[in-house]
Protein backbone atom coordinates (compact mmCIF):
# COMPACT_ATOMS: atom_id res chain seq x y z
CA MET A 1 14.39 -19.84 -14.93
CA ALA A 2 12.42 -21.86 -12.23
CA ARG A 3 13.75 -21.44 -8.57
CA LYS A 4 13.74 -24.61 -6.88
CA LYS A 5 14.43 -25.00 -3.29
CA VAL A 6 16.63 -27.93 -1.94
CA ARG A 7 17.40 -29.13 1.49
CA GLU A 8 20.04 -27.51 3.82
CA TYR A 9 21.78 -30.92 3.46
CA ASP A 10 21.90 -30.73 -0.06
CA ALA A 11 22.86 -27.31 -0.37
CA LYS A 12 25.93 -27.71 1.80
CA ARG A 13 27.03 -31.05 0.01
CA ILE A 14 26.79 -28.81 -3.08
CA LEU A 15 28.64 -25.98 -1.62
CA LYS A 16 31.36 -28.16 -0.44
CA ALA A 17 32.02 -29.90 -3.61
CA ARG A 18 31.81 -26.92 -5.64
CA PHE A 19 34.04 -24.50 -3.32
CA GLU A 20 36.81 -27.07 -3.76
CA GLY A 21 36.10 -27.56 -7.40
CA VAL A 22 36.01 -23.73 -8.12
CA ILE A 23 38.03 -21.95 -5.61
CA GLY A 24 40.54 -24.85 -4.97
CA LYS A 25 39.90 -24.65 -1.25
CA THR A 26 38.14 -27.01 1.02
CA LEU A 27 35.12 -25.70 3.50
CA PRO A 28 34.98 -27.94 6.34
CA ILE A 29 31.44 -29.06 5.84
CA GLN A 30 30.14 -32.45 7.39
CA VAL A 31 26.36 -33.31 7.38
CA ALA A 32 24.56 -36.42 7.61
CA GLN A 33 20.87 -36.76 6.91
CA VAL A 34 18.23 -38.56 9.13
CA THR A 35 14.73 -39.75 8.17
CA SER A 36 12.72 -42.35 9.40
CA SER A 37 14.20 -45.15 7.38
CA THR A 38 17.80 -44.24 8.43
CA ASP A 39 19.69 -47.39 10.18
CA TYR A 40 21.66 -45.37 13.04
CA LYS A 41 24.76 -47.96 13.01
CA ASP A 42 25.00 -47.82 9.00
CA LEU A 43 25.17 -43.84 9.46
CA LEU A 44 27.45 -43.74 12.04
CA GLN A 45 29.83 -46.02 9.97
CA GLN A 46 29.46 -43.85 6.85
CA HIS A 47 30.04 -40.54 8.96
CA PRO A 48 32.60 -41.76 11.86
CA TRP A 49 32.61 -38.31 12.71
CA LEU A 50 29.13 -38.45 14.41
CA GLY A 51 30.70 -40.48 17.15
CA SER A 52 33.48 -37.87 17.93
CA SER A 53 31.86 -34.37 17.39
CA LYS A 54 29.56 -32.70 19.60
CA LEU A 55 26.34 -32.35 17.06
CA VAL A 56 23.60 -29.87 15.95
CA VAL A 57 20.42 -31.44 14.91
CA LYS A 58 17.58 -29.62 13.10
CA PRO A 59 14.57 -30.51 10.77
CA ASP A 60 15.66 -30.32 7.17
CA MET A 61 12.04 -29.44 5.83
CA LEU A 62 11.87 -25.89 4.27
CA PHE A 63 10.70 -24.05 7.10
CA GLY A 64 11.79 -21.88 9.84
CA GLN A 65 10.94 -21.25 13.52
CA ARG A 66 12.47 -24.49 14.30
CA GLY A 67 13.53 -23.58 17.75
CA LYS A 68 10.28 -22.45 18.53
CA HIS A 69 8.74 -25.92 18.47
CA ASP A 70 11.64 -27.63 20.30
CA LEU A 71 13.24 -29.26 17.27
CA VAL A 72 16.61 -28.00 17.54
CA GLY A 73 19.32 -29.85 19.46
CA LEU A 74 22.66 -28.40 20.32
CA ASN A 75 25.86 -29.72 21.49
CA LEU A 76 24.76 -33.12 21.75
CA SER A 77 26.62 -36.39 21.90
CA TRP A 78 25.75 -38.97 19.04
CA SER A 79 23.49 -40.96 21.43
CA GLN A 80 21.65 -37.67 22.41
CA ALA A 81 21.48 -36.46 18.97
CA GLU A 82 19.76 -40.05 18.12
CA ALA A 83 17.33 -40.08 21.00
CA PHE A 84 16.55 -36.27 20.17
CA VAL A 85 15.53 -37.28 16.71
CA LYS A 86 13.57 -40.49 17.49
CA GLU A 87 11.36 -38.33 19.87
CA ARG A 88 10.58 -35.83 17.23
CA ILE A 89 10.65 -37.59 13.76
CA GLY A 90 6.92 -37.99 12.53
CA LYS A 91 5.75 -35.15 14.99
CA THR A 92 3.13 -32.79 13.44
CA VAL A 93 3.83 -29.11 13.45
CA THR A 94 1.86 -26.22 12.17
CA VAL A 95 4.21 -23.62 10.61
CA ASN A 96 2.89 -20.25 8.87
CA GLU A 97 -0.37 -21.87 8.77
CA CYS A 98 1.11 -25.20 6.97
CA THR A 99 0.75 -28.40 8.97
CA GLY A 100 2.59 -31.48 8.24
CA PRO A 101 4.82 -34.23 9.75
CA VAL A 102 8.85 -33.48 10.41
CA THR A 103 10.32 -36.23 8.59
CA THR A 104 13.89 -35.27 7.76
CA PHE A 105 16.70 -34.05 10.01
CA ILE A 106 20.36 -32.57 9.21
CA VAL A 107 22.98 -33.56 11.62
CA GLU A 108 26.19 -31.76 11.49
CA PRO A 109 29.24 -30.98 14.11
CA PHE A 110 28.35 -28.38 16.77
CA MET A 111 30.42 -24.95 15.61
CA PRO A 112 31.26 -22.69 19.07
CA HIS A 113 31.39 -19.13 17.82
CA LYS A 114 30.95 -15.52 18.80
CA GLU A 115 30.07 -13.76 15.28
CA GLU A 116 26.97 -14.33 13.33
CA MET A 117 27.15 -12.37 10.02
CA TYR A 118 24.47 -12.64 6.86
CA MET A 119 25.12 -12.91 3.32
CA CYS A 120 22.69 -13.46 0.31
CA ILE A 121 23.36 -13.81 -3.49
CA GLN A 122 20.12 -13.90 -5.73
CA SER A 123 18.94 -13.75 -9.06
CA ASN A 124 16.83 -10.72 -10.17
CA ARG A 125 15.07 -10.38 -13.51
CA LEU A 126 18.18 -7.97 -14.94
CA ASP A 127 21.01 -8.57 -12.14
CA TYR A 128 22.26 -10.06 -9.48
CA GLU A 129 22.02 -8.94 -6.10
CA VAL A 130 24.52 -9.27 -3.23
CA SER A 131 23.81 -8.38 0.38
CA PHE A 132 26.01 -8.68 3.60
CA SER A 133 25.29 -7.73 7.13
CA ALA A 134 27.70 -8.00 10.28
CA MET A 135 24.70 -8.58 12.28
CA GLY A 136 23.12 -12.09 11.36
CA GLY A 137 21.36 -14.74 12.99
CA VAL A 138 17.66 -14.83 14.49
CA SER A 139 17.81 -10.81 15.15
CA ILE A 140 18.58 -10.26 11.62
CA GLU A 141 15.47 -8.46 10.93
CA GLU A 142 15.84 -6.05 14.14
CA HIS A 143 19.20 -4.92 12.12
CA TRP A 144 18.24 -4.38 8.55
CA ASP A 145 19.54 -1.06 8.69
CA GLN A 146 22.80 -2.87 8.85
CA LEU A 147 22.36 -4.76 5.56
CA SER A 148 24.50 -3.32 2.65
CA SER A 149 23.53 -4.44 -0.76
CA ILE A 150 25.19 -4.14 -4.33
CA LYS A 151 23.75 -4.66 -7.90
CA VAL A 152 25.84 -6.93 -10.11
CA ASP A 153 25.37 -6.94 -14.02
CA ALA A 154 23.89 -10.27 -15.28
CA THR A 155 26.78 -10.83 -17.53
CA ALA A 156 29.22 -10.72 -14.69
CA GLN A 157 31.40 -13.73 -14.33
CA ASP A 158 33.13 -12.54 -11.32
CA LEU A 159 33.19 -10.19 -8.22
CA SER A 160 36.24 -7.45 -7.87
CA SER A 161 37.56 -6.41 -4.61
CA GLU A 162 36.39 -2.88 -5.36
CA ALA A 163 32.75 -4.21 -6.01
CA VAL A 164 32.63 -6.08 -2.52
CA ALA A 165 34.21 -3.07 -0.77
CA PRO A 166 31.02 -1.28 -0.14
CA LEU A 167 29.84 -4.33 1.74
CA THR A 168 32.72 -4.97 4.25
CA ALA A 169 33.50 -1.35 4.53
CA LYS A 170 32.27 -1.48 8.18
CA LEU A 171 34.06 -4.52 9.27
CA PRO A 172 37.39 -4.35 11.09
CA LEU A 173 40.35 -4.46 8.88
CA GLU A 174 41.79 -7.93 10.38
CA THR A 175 38.44 -9.40 9.07
CA ARG A 176 37.60 -7.16 6.28
CA GLY A 177 39.63 -9.11 3.52
CA ARG A 178 38.55 -12.48 4.59
CA VAL A 179 35.08 -11.81 4.57
CA GLY A 180 35.33 -9.92 1.24
CA ASP A 181 37.12 -12.92 -0.44
CA PHE A 182 34.37 -15.29 0.84
CA ILE A 183 31.65 -13.32 -0.53
CA ARG A 184 33.68 -13.32 -4.03
CA ALA A 185 34.27 -17.23 -3.83
CA MET A 186 30.47 -17.49 -3.06
CA PHE A 187 29.59 -15.43 -6.12
CA LYS A 188 31.72 -17.70 -8.31
CA VAL A 189 30.18 -20.68 -6.79
CA PHE A 190 26.68 -19.37 -7.18
CA LEU A 191 27.02 -18.69 -11.03
CA ASP A 192 28.79 -22.02 -11.46
CA VAL A 193 25.87 -24.38 -10.14
CA ASP A 194 23.23 -22.04 -11.63
CA ALA A 195 21.67 -20.98 -8.29
CA THR A 196 19.21 -18.31 -7.87
CA LEU A 197 19.65 -18.13 -4.44
CA ILE A 198 22.26 -18.82 -1.78
CA GLU A 199 21.51 -17.38 1.65
CA MET A 200 23.63 -17.93 4.50
CA ASN A 201 22.11 -16.50 7.93
CA PRO A 202 24.28 -16.88 10.01
CA PHE A 203 27.90 -17.80 8.85
CA THR A 204 30.77 -17.18 11.18
CA PHE A 205 34.56 -17.85 11.77
CA ASP A 206 35.64 -21.48 12.23
CA LEU A 207 38.38 -22.41 14.53
CA THR A 208 41.08 -21.35 12.03
CA GLY A 209 39.46 -18.11 11.40
CA GLU A 210 37.89 -18.61 7.92
CA PRO A 211 34.28 -18.07 7.28
CA PHE A 212 32.17 -20.90 7.58
CA PRO A 213 28.39 -21.30 6.77
CA LEU A 214 26.17 -22.22 9.88
CA ASP A 215 22.83 -22.14 8.00
CA ILE A 216 22.06 -22.00 4.27
CA ARG A 217 19.19 -21.81 2.17
CA MET A 218 19.63 -22.39 -1.62
CA GLU A 219 17.65 -22.29 -4.74
CA LEU A 220 18.75 -23.72 -7.96
CA ASP A 221 17.58 -22.92 -11.50
CA ASP A 222 16.07 -26.32 -12.35
CA THR A 223 15.94 -25.71 -16.34
CA ALA A 224 19.78 -25.64 -16.01
CA GLN A 225 20.02 -29.27 -15.22
CA PHE A 226 21.04 -30.32 -18.37
CA ARG A 227 23.98 -27.95 -18.06
CA SER A 228 24.82 -28.40 -14.07
CA GLY A 229 22.92 -31.23 -13.02
CA SER A 230 25.93 -33.17 -12.43
CA LYS A 231 27.28 -30.38 -9.93
CA TRP A 232 24.10 -31.03 -7.96
CA CYS A 233 25.41 -33.88 -6.05
CA GLY A 234 22.13 -35.68 -6.37
CA ALA A 235 20.24 -33.24 -4.62
CA GLU A 236 16.29 -33.47 -4.78
CA PHE A 237 13.68 -30.77 -5.03
CA PRO A 238 11.21 -31.54 -2.06
CA LEU A 239 7.47 -30.35 -2.14
CA PRO A 240 7.23 -27.49 0.17
CA PHE A 241 6.27 -28.03 4.00
CA GLY A 242 2.99 -29.45 4.44
CA ARG A 243 2.31 -30.24 0.77
CA THR A 244 1.86 -33.83 -0.33
CA LEU A 245 1.12 -35.04 -3.91
CA ALA A 246 -2.57 -36.15 -4.58
CA PRO A 247 -2.55 -39.48 -6.55
CA ALA A 248 -3.32 -37.80 -9.79
CA GLU A 249 -0.06 -35.60 -9.32
CA GLU A 250 2.04 -38.45 -8.83
CA HIS A 251 0.75 -40.13 -11.87
CA VAL A 252 1.39 -36.94 -14.00
CA GLN A 253 4.84 -36.61 -12.32
CA SER A 254 5.67 -40.00 -12.72
CA MET A 255 4.77 -39.61 -16.64
CA ASP A 256 6.94 -36.36 -16.62
CA GLU A 257 9.80 -38.16 -15.62
CA THR A 258 9.94 -40.85 -18.15
CA THR A 259 9.41 -38.70 -21.38
CA GLY A 260 10.80 -35.76 -23.42
CA ALA A 261 7.65 -33.73 -23.25
CA SER A 262 6.55 -31.46 -20.30
CA LEU A 263 3.64 -32.84 -18.61
CA LYS A 264 2.75 -30.86 -15.40
CA PHE A 265 -0.28 -31.14 -13.03
CA THR A 266 -1.05 -29.38 -9.78
CA VAL A 267 -4.41 -29.47 -7.83
CA LEU A 268 -5.68 -26.29 -6.58
CA ASN A 269 -9.11 -26.98 -5.41
CA PRO A 270 -10.64 -30.53 -5.93
CA LYS A 271 -14.10 -29.11 -5.82
CA GLY A 272 -13.20 -26.46 -8.32
CA ARG A 273 -15.55 -25.38 -11.36
CA VAL A 274 -12.98 -24.41 -13.72
CA TRP A 275 -10.20 -27.01 -15.09
CA LEU A 276 -7.52 -26.74 -17.47
CA MET A 277 -5.90 -28.83 -20.05
CA VAL A 278 -3.65 -26.18 -21.79
CA ALA A 279 -1.08 -26.80 -24.08
CA GLY A 280 2.42 -24.99 -23.45
CA GLY A 281 3.59 -22.88 -20.07
CA GLY A 282 2.91 -19.54 -21.41
CA ALA A 283 -0.81 -20.40 -22.46
CA SER A 284 -1.21 -21.82 -19.23
CA VAL A 285 -0.15 -18.55 -17.35
CA ILE A 286 -2.72 -16.75 -19.43
CA TYR A 287 -5.34 -18.91 -18.93
CA THR A 288 -4.90 -18.97 -15.10
CA ASP A 289 -4.21 -15.19 -14.92
CA THR A 290 -7.54 -14.64 -16.98
CA VAL A 291 -9.66 -16.86 -14.73
CA GLY A 292 -8.24 -15.03 -11.55
CA ASP A 293 -8.90 -11.55 -13.08
CA LEU A 294 -12.39 -12.73 -14.00
CA GLY A 295 -13.06 -13.12 -10.27
CA PHE A 296 -13.00 -17.28 -10.43
CA ALA A 297 -9.46 -17.54 -9.01
CA GLN A 298 -11.33 -19.60 -5.93
CA GLU A 299 -12.66 -21.99 -8.33
CA LEU A 300 -9.72 -22.75 -10.32
CA GLY A 301 -9.42 -26.54 -10.00
CA ASN A 302 -5.98 -27.02 -11.29
CA TYR A 303 -2.71 -25.58 -12.93
CA GLY A 304 -1.10 -27.39 -15.58
CA GLU A 305 0.37 -27.93 -18.95
CA TYR A 306 1.34 -30.47 -21.56
CA SER A 307 3.99 -29.05 -24.10
CA GLY A 308 7.14 -30.32 -25.89
CA ALA A 309 5.10 -32.32 -28.37
CA PRO A 310 4.01 -35.56 -26.36
CA ASN A 311 2.72 -38.31 -28.60
CA THR A 312 -0.68 -39.53 -28.78
CA ASN A 313 -0.63 -41.96 -25.76
CA GLU A 314 1.04 -39.70 -23.58
CA THR A 315 -1.34 -37.04 -24.10
CA TYR A 316 -4.36 -39.57 -23.48
CA GLN A 317 -2.75 -40.62 -20.14
CA TYR A 318 -2.27 -36.91 -19.44
CA ALA A 319 -5.92 -36.07 -20.47
CA ARG A 320 -7.40 -39.17 -18.34
CA THR A 321 -6.10 -37.73 -15.39
CA VAL A 322 -7.13 -34.45 -15.65
CA LEU A 323 -10.65 -35.70 -16.55
CA SER A 324 -11.07 -37.65 -13.49
CA CYS A 325 -10.46 -34.85 -11.49
CA ALA A 326 -12.57 -32.52 -13.39
CA THR A 327 -15.33 -35.12 -13.17
CA ALA A 328 -14.95 -35.90 -9.27
CA ASN A 329 -16.40 -34.10 -6.35
CA SER A 330 -19.68 -32.78 -8.28
CA ASP A 331 -21.93 -30.59 -6.50
CA GLY A 332 -24.51 -30.23 -9.01
CA ARG A 333 -23.42 -26.92 -10.43
CA ALA A 334 -21.89 -26.58 -13.85
CA ARG A 335 -17.94 -26.70 -14.73
CA ALA A 336 -16.03 -25.62 -17.52
CA LEU A 337 -13.19 -27.51 -18.99
CA LEU A 338 -10.45 -25.36 -21.22
CA ILE A 339 -8.59 -27.45 -23.60
CA GLY A 340 -6.10 -26.39 -26.09
CA GLY A 341 -3.80 -23.28 -25.81
CA GLY A 342 -1.85 -20.87 -27.96
CA ILE A 343 -0.58 -21.41 -31.44
CA ALA A 344 1.67 -24.36 -31.86
CA ASN A 345 5.16 -24.03 -33.38
CA PHE A 346 5.74 -27.73 -33.88
CA THR A 347 3.40 -29.82 -31.75
CA ASN A 348 1.01 -31.63 -34.26
CA VAL A 349 -2.30 -30.53 -33.02
CA ALA A 350 -4.58 -33.32 -34.57
CA ALA A 351 -2.03 -35.88 -33.03
CA THR A 352 -2.28 -34.62 -29.38
CA PHE A 353 -5.94 -34.14 -29.88
CA GLN A 354 -6.67 -37.82 -30.93
CA GLY A 355 -5.25 -38.67 -27.30
CA ILE A 356 -7.49 -36.16 -25.70
CA ILE A 357 -10.52 -37.27 -27.67
CA LYS A 358 -9.90 -40.94 -26.67
CA ALA A 359 -10.02 -39.56 -23.25
CA LEU A 360 -12.93 -37.44 -23.63
CA ARG A 361 -14.81 -40.29 -25.25
CA GLU A 362 -14.25 -42.78 -22.34
CA SER A 363 -15.24 -40.04 -19.56
CA SER A 364 -18.52 -38.86 -21.70
CA GLU A 365 -20.82 -40.30 -18.85
CA ALA A 366 -18.74 -38.52 -16.00
CA LEU A 367 -18.61 -35.04 -18.19
CA ILE A 368 -22.39 -35.10 -18.46
CA ALA A 369 -22.69 -36.16 -14.97
CA ALA A 370 -20.53 -33.53 -13.74
CA LYS A 371 -22.23 -30.81 -16.08
CA VAL A 372 -18.90 -30.11 -17.55
CA PHE A 373 -19.06 -27.70 -20.45
CA THR A 374 -15.85 -27.88 -22.94
CA PHE A 375 -14.23 -25.08 -24.59
CA VAL A 376 -11.17 -25.86 -27.29
CA ARG A 377 -9.13 -23.28 -28.65
CA ARG A 378 -5.95 -24.13 -30.49
CA GLY A 379 -3.92 -23.18 -33.53
CA GLY A 380 -0.65 -24.67 -35.25
CA PRO A 381 0.25 -27.58 -37.34
CA ASN A 382 -2.97 -29.49 -38.56
CA TYR A 383 -4.99 -27.39 -36.29
CA LEU A 384 -8.02 -27.26 -38.59
CA GLU A 385 -8.13 -31.05 -38.71
CA GLY A 386 -7.90 -31.10 -34.90
CA LEU A 387 -10.70 -28.78 -34.46
CA ASP A 388 -12.95 -30.66 -36.77
CA MET A 389 -12.40 -33.78 -34.66
CA MET A 390 -13.56 -31.99 -31.72
CA ARG A 391 -16.83 -30.82 -33.15
CA ALA A 392 -17.66 -34.28 -34.45
CA LEU A 393 -16.76 -35.70 -30.98
CA GLY A 394 -19.20 -33.16 -29.14
CA SER A 395 -22.20 -34.43 -31.43
CA GLU A 396 -21.03 -38.04 -30.99
CA ILE A 397 -21.00 -38.28 -27.07
CA GLY A 398 -23.46 -35.47 -26.36
CA VAL A 399 -21.06 -33.22 -24.37
CA PRO A 400 -21.29 -29.46 -25.09
CA ILE A 401 -18.14 -28.56 -26.74
CA GLU A 402 -17.23 -24.98 -28.33
CA VAL A 403 -14.60 -25.10 -30.61
CA TYR A 404 -12.62 -21.87 -31.39
CA GLY A 405 -9.37 -21.40 -33.44
CA PRO A 406 -6.54 -18.95 -33.37
CA GLU A 407 -8.66 -15.88 -34.48
CA SER A 408 -10.41 -16.11 -31.29
CA SER A 409 -8.56 -14.60 -27.85
CA MET A 410 -7.48 -16.95 -25.07
CA THR A 411 -8.93 -14.46 -22.66
CA GLY A 412 -12.06 -14.30 -24.66
CA ILE A 413 -12.41 -18.20 -24.07
CA CYS A 414 -12.20 -17.88 -20.55
CA ALA A 415 -14.80 -15.31 -20.58
CA ASN A 416 -17.12 -17.33 -22.42
CA ALA A 417 -16.48 -20.34 -20.37
CA ILE A 418 -17.34 -18.42 -16.88
CA GLU A 419 -20.38 -16.85 -18.13
CA ARG A 420 -21.59 -20.24 -19.23
CA ILE A 421 -21.09 -21.84 -15.88
CA LYS A 422 -22.31 -18.71 -14.20
CA ALA A 423 -25.74 -19.31 -16.20
CA ASP A 424 -25.62 -22.94 -14.96
CA LYS A 425 -27.81 -24.18 -17.88
CA TYR A 426 -26.32 -27.88 -18.66
């Protein structure tokens, strides 16, 4: 399971669509999105309610403290909302030590209300947790003692009234049933869309007396896209606030989007001395954790993996990208490149190594200039052929390459690599 955040704009569209599809009732949610490329006249034509409602405007950038940065407009006309956004879009703010421009706003009808309640449904490793408080809103943290929670078995497909009763027991009788039914309905939607988190802080009662979400945070299990992606209303998974993709990351992402294999690459420290070209998500975690345990977490250049049997050309393109980063920003100190991973089940090790070898051969001068020691560890189909190819390559291009098979541990390879670059004798 991979928990991926979506914008509030997408969360509310998903919620509206699936509430009607699963529960058979309509949530009167209306939302519009504004970016720097928005044509305001076109937006008004698409959403006529913008011109007839009082509006709320706020950034939709996966960060909080929006009011503290004068980024929330309340009870505005459309012309006021348009001016509010134009004055602030592109503004650079710093939130929790993360700095970046505000590029995306959500606009929705202003909902006068008195009650502010809190609800959260989230996935844990072995169960679901459902929480509720009648004291929601910006002061929720001051009233955590009012929060009630229940654990729900991971196999559950529904919540009974009896299960929800402890959460709503302190509410007045006239609202207890409506809130309880709403929580039960949200749990069904949560399961239906393969969400890992739905948090409403706050939700309130609309003018008809029915529960209505004001602010929503939603996370989806992106590994369930094959099953539930059609229910996600085209939702995007934006980067965390303040995070932008480096060109190398954009390149790998574009490759990943056009292949059935998995290609992932995130730069952690452009000047790092330990770089990974690891096959398999599990192996990438082991390598990363081991480097951290050995005290070199700050020197880890990247996190990533290639898996799902990429072909030779895909592996070559991926390797070129990693090598271009691993040999850049050299400061004269030795570096380590860790290639390989665990024992493959079906990936042809020799075939993938052909792509990596081509990239290594092309980058030999850069590897030598950056004093890169290369460590190879792999097992699986045709691994002996692949390892022999790597040994021959080291002699051919004059790059120090140490080659290990599955008899050597991945953690041991990491230790060898770090000891080598600590010695700094290339």
